[in-house]
Amino acid sequence: MPAVLEPVDHECLACFLYRALRAQGCDGTHLFLLAYRDESAPRATAVERKMQLLGGYCDCEVLANALRPITREASNALEDEVDLVCKGVRRGTTQPCEHWLMRRGVQWGGGQFRRRSA
């Protein structure tokens, strides 16, 4: 089994998954998602379940269904399959950096997303 890559300091989940999948490909599991959680966000115990609810049943599906690039730089990197420099996030979060947007519709608890009332 190949060694699992480790996240760089302040690297977001999406950028780490993109980098790891480019380097080693997807094995049909959440290998890199769980490696990220264990190393960078150990308190995010529900991240695997949340990604499954958003359509991410393996690492590559997380990038395909739960996260999407929103900057031109990220879109070009995906299209051209080149390196992408993460914009950075605080340690302990599974939120994406400014390059990505997480799909909405599911809360951490698995319920329906509802807008907050004023």
C-alpha atoms as a PDB file:
ATOM      1  CA  MET A   1       0.000   0.000   0.000  1.00  0.00           C
ATOM      2  CA  PRO A   2       1.437   3.399  -0.934  1.00  0.00           C
ATOM      3  CA  ALA A   3       2.177   5.889   1.805  1.00  0.00           C
ATOM      4  CA  VAL A   4      -0.645   8.346   2.355  1.00  0.00           C
ATOM      5  CA  LEU A   5       0.260  11.948   1.683  1.00  0.00           C
ATOM      6  CA  GLU A   6      -0.026  14.394   4.558  1.00  0.00           C
ATOM      7  CA  PRO A   7      -1.657  17.815   4.417  1.00  0.00           C
ATOM      8  CA  VAL A   8       0.588  20.868   4.355  1.00  0.00           C
ATOM      9  CA  ASP A   9       0.101  23.442   7.140  1.00  0.00           C
ATOM     10  CA  HIS A  10      -3.107  25.425   6.557  1.00  0.00           C
ATOM     11  CA  GLU A  11      -3.979  23.457   3.395  1.00  0.00           C
ATOM     12  CA  CYS A  12      -7.733  23.071   2.931  1.00  0.00           C
ATOM     13  CA  LEU A  13      -9.471  19.730   2.469  1.00  0.00           C
ATOM     14  CA  ALA A  14     -10.292  20.376  -1.197  1.00  0.00           C
ATOM     15  CA  CYS A  15      -6.748  21.366  -2.176  1.00  0.00           C
ATOM     16  CA  PHE A  16      -5.344  18.390  -0.262  1.00  0.00           C
ATOM     17  CA  LEU A  17      -7.747  15.992  -2.000  1.00  0.00           C
ATOM     18  CA  TYR A  18      -6.877  17.491  -5.382  1.00  0.00           C
ATOM     19  CA  ARG A  19      -3.139  17.139  -4.703  1.00  0.00           C
ATOM     20  CA  ALA A  20      -3.429  13.623  -3.255  1.00  0.00           C
ATOM     21  CA  LEU A  21      -5.661  12.339  -6.046  1.00  0.00           C
ATOM     22  CA  ARG A  22      -3.306  13.735  -8.684  1.00  0.00           C
ATOM     23  CA  ALA A  23      -0.392  11.977  -7.002  1.00  0.00           C
ATOM     24  CA  GLN A  24      -1.947   8.616  -6.133  1.00  0.00           C
ATOM     25  CA  GLY A  25      -5.416   8.349  -7.665  1.00  0.00           C
ATOM     26  CA  CYS A  26      -8.624   7.211  -6.004  1.00  0.00           C
ATOM     27  CA  ASP A  27      -8.995   3.755  -4.491  1.00  0.00           C
ATOM     28  CA  GLY A  28     -12.774   4.012  -4.030  1.00  0.00           C
ATOM     29  CA  THR A  29     -12.561   4.913  -0.327  1.00  0.00           C
ATOM     30  CA  HIS A  30     -12.172   8.012   1.815  1.00  0.00           C
ATOM     31  CA  LEU A  31      -8.478   7.273   2.399  1.00  0.00           C
ATOM     32  CA  PHE A  32      -7.312  10.872   1.869  1.00  0.00           C
ATOM     33  CA  LEU A  33     -10.384  12.467   3.463  1.00  0.00           C
ATOM     34  CA  LEU A  34      -9.745  10.497   6.647  1.00  0.00           C
ATOM     35  CA  ALA A  35      -6.004  11.191   6.518  1.00  0.00           C
ATOM     36  CA  TYR A  36      -6.810  14.926   6.303  1.00  0.00           C
ATOM     37  CA  ARG A  37      -9.267  14.693   9.177  1.00  0.00           C
ATOM     38  CA  ASP A  38      -6.849  12.769  11.381  1.00  0.00           C
ATOM     39  CA  GLU A  39      -3.971  15.163  10.716  1.00  0.00           C
ATOM     40  CA  SER A  40      -5.627  18.588  10.372  1.00  0.00           C
ATOM     41  CA  ALA A  41      -9.145  18.427  11.825  1.00  0.00           C
ATOM     42  CA  PRO A  42      -9.392  15.561  14.345  1.00  0.00           C
ATOM     43  CA  ARG A  43     -12.560  16.951  15.931  1.00  0.00           C
ATOM     44  CA  ALA A  44     -14.458  16.807  12.607  1.00  0.00           C
ATOM     45  CA  THR A  45     -15.761  13.327  13.314  1.00  0.00           C
ATOM     46  CA  ALA A  46     -18.813  13.684  11.039  1.00  0.00           C
ATOM     47  CA  VAL A  47     -16.945  14.844   7.922  1.00  0.00           C
ATOM     48  CA  GLU A  48     -17.082  11.438   6.214  1.00  0.00           C
ATOM     49  CA  ARG A  49     -20.833  11.141   6.750  1.00  0.00           C
ATOM     50  CA  LYS A  50     -21.415  14.716   5.597  1.00  0.00           C
ATOM     51  CA  MET A  51     -19.475  14.139   2.394  1.00  0.00           C
ATOM     52  CA  GLN A  52     -21.499  11.001   1.711  1.00  0.00           C
ATOM     53  CA  LEU A  53     -24.712  12.990   2.172  1.00  0.00           C
ATOM     54  CA  LEU A  54     -23.351  15.497  -0.371  1.00  0.00           C
ATOM     55  CA  GLY A  55     -22.633  12.725  -2.889  1.00  0.00           C
ATOM     56  CA  GLY A  56     -18.985  12.069  -2.019  1.00  0.00           C
ATOM     57  CA  TYR A  57     -18.813   8.309  -1.540  1.00  0.00           C
ATOM     58  CA  CYS A  58     -15.051   8.230  -2.163  1.00  0.00           C
ATOM     59  CA  ASP A  59     -12.269  10.825  -2.391  1.00  0.00           C
ATOM     60  CA  CYS A  60     -12.728  11.579  -6.088  1.00  0.00           C
ATOM     61  CA  GLU A  61     -16.506  11.915  -5.693  1.00  0.00           C
ATOM     62  CA  VAL A  62     -15.989  14.435  -2.887  1.00  0.00           C
ATOM     63  CA  LEU A  63     -14.203  16.660  -5.419  1.00  0.00           C
ATOM     64  CA  ALA A  64     -16.748  15.884  -8.137  1.00  0.00           C
ATOM     65  CA  ASN A  65     -19.970  16.203  -6.127  1.00  0.00           C
ATOM     66  CA  ALA A  66     -19.447  17.950  -2.786  1.00  0.00           C
ATOM     67  CA  LEU A  67     -16.910  20.635  -3.754  1.00  0.00           C
ATOM     68  CA  ARG A  68     -16.477  22.718  -6.865  1.00  0.00           C
ATOM     69  CA  PRO A  69     -13.835  25.187  -7.995  1.00  0.00           C
ATOM     70  CA  ILE A  70     -14.975  28.812  -8.039  1.00  0.00           C
ATOM     71  CA  THR A  71     -11.826  30.673  -9.046  1.00  0.00           C
ATOM     72  CA  ARG A  72     -10.389  30.759 -12.528  1.00  0.00           C
ATOM     73  CA  GLU A  73      -7.082  29.522 -11.110  1.00  0.00           C
ATOM     74  CA  ALA A  74      -8.707  26.393  -9.607  1.00  0.00           C
ATOM     75  CA  SER A  75     -10.797  25.707 -12.702  1.00  0.00           C
ATOM     76  CA  ASN A  76      -7.740  25.966 -14.938  1.00  0.00           C
ATOM     77  CA  ALA A  77      -5.731  23.730 -12.610  1.00  0.00           C
ATOM     78  CA  LEU A  78      -8.423  21.043 -12.752  1.00  0.00           C
ATOM     79  CA  GLU A  79      -8.767  21.326 -16.514  1.00  0.00           C
ATOM     80  CA  ASP A  80      -5.015  21.313 -17.206  1.00  0.00           C
ATOM     81  CA  GLU A  81      -4.180  18.897 -14.355  1.00  0.00           C
ATOM     82  CA  VAL A  82      -1.502  21.169 -12.890  1.00  0.00           C
ATOM     83  CA  ASP A  83      -0.545  22.120  -9.329  1.00  0.00           C
ATOM     84  CA  LEU A  84      -2.792  24.446  -7.362  1.00  0.00           C
ATOM     85  CA  VAL A  85      -1.544  26.600  -4.479  1.00  0.00           C
ATOM     86  CA  CYS A  86      -4.041  26.570  -1.607  1.00  0.00           C
ATOM     87  CA  LYS A  87      -5.229  29.927  -0.249  1.00  0.00           C
ATOM     88  CA  GLY A  88      -5.086  28.472   3.277  1.00  0.00           C
ATOM     89  CA  VAL A  89      -7.527  27.833   6.120  1.00  0.00           C
ATOM     90  CA  ARG A  90      -7.272  27.708   9.893  1.00  0.00           C
ATOM     91  CA  ARG A  91      -6.232  24.453  11.500  1.00  0.00           C
ATOM     92  CA  GLY A  92      -9.149  22.280  12.571  1.00  0.00           C
ATOM     93  CA  THR A  93     -11.567  23.178   9.798  1.00  0.00           C
ATOM     94  CA  THR A  94     -12.795  21.090   6.883  1.00  0.00           C
ATOM     95  CA  GLN A  95     -14.119  24.129   5.043  1.00  0.00           C
ATOM     96  CA  PRO A  96     -12.531  24.806   1.663  1.00  0.00           C
ATOM     97  CA  CYS A  97     -10.276  27.764   0.894  1.00  0.00           C
ATOM     98  CA  GLU A  98     -11.255  30.611  -1.447  1.00  0.00           C
ATOM     99  CA  HIS A  99     -10.672  28.409  -4.513  1.00  0.00           C
ATOM    100  CA  TRP A 100     -13.600  26.113  -3.715  1.00  0.00           C
ATOM    101  CA  LEU A 101     -17.257  26.151  -2.716  1.00  0.00           C
ATOM    102  CA  MET A 102     -18.886  23.373  -0.705  1.00  0.00           C
ATOM    103  CA  ARG A 103     -22.253  22.197  -1.934  1.00  0.00           C
ATOM    104  CA  ARG A 104     -25.110  23.248   0.313  1.00  0.00           C
ATOM    105  CA  GLY A 105     -28.122  21.320   1.417  1.00  0.00           C
ATOM    106  CA  VAL A 106     -27.012  19.231   4.363  1.00  0.00           C
ATOM    107  CA  GLN A 107     -26.076  20.280   7.861  1.00  0.00           C
ATOM    108  CA  TRP A 108     -23.511  18.396   9.898  1.00  0.00           C
ATOM    109  CA  GLY A 109     -26.331  16.627  11.709  1.00  0.00           C
ATOM    110  CA  GLY A 110     -27.742  15.310   8.449  1.00  0.00           C
ATOM    111  CA  GLY A 111     -30.857  17.505   8.452  1.00  0.00           C
ATOM    112  CA  GLN A 112     -32.046  19.811   5.721  1.00  0.00           C
ATOM    113  CA  PHE A 113     -30.259  23.110   5.282  1.00  0.00           C
ATOM    114  CA  ARG A 114     -32.422  26.046   6.273  1.00  0.00           C
ATOM    115  CA  ARG A 115     -31.546  29.691   5.999  1.00  0.00           C
ATOM    116  CA  ARG A 116     -31.382  31.562   9.233  1.00  0.00           C
ATOM    117  CA  SER A 117     -34.223  33.957   9.767  1.00  0.00           C
ATOM    118  CA  ALA A 118     -33.418  37.599  10.430  1.00  0.00           C
END
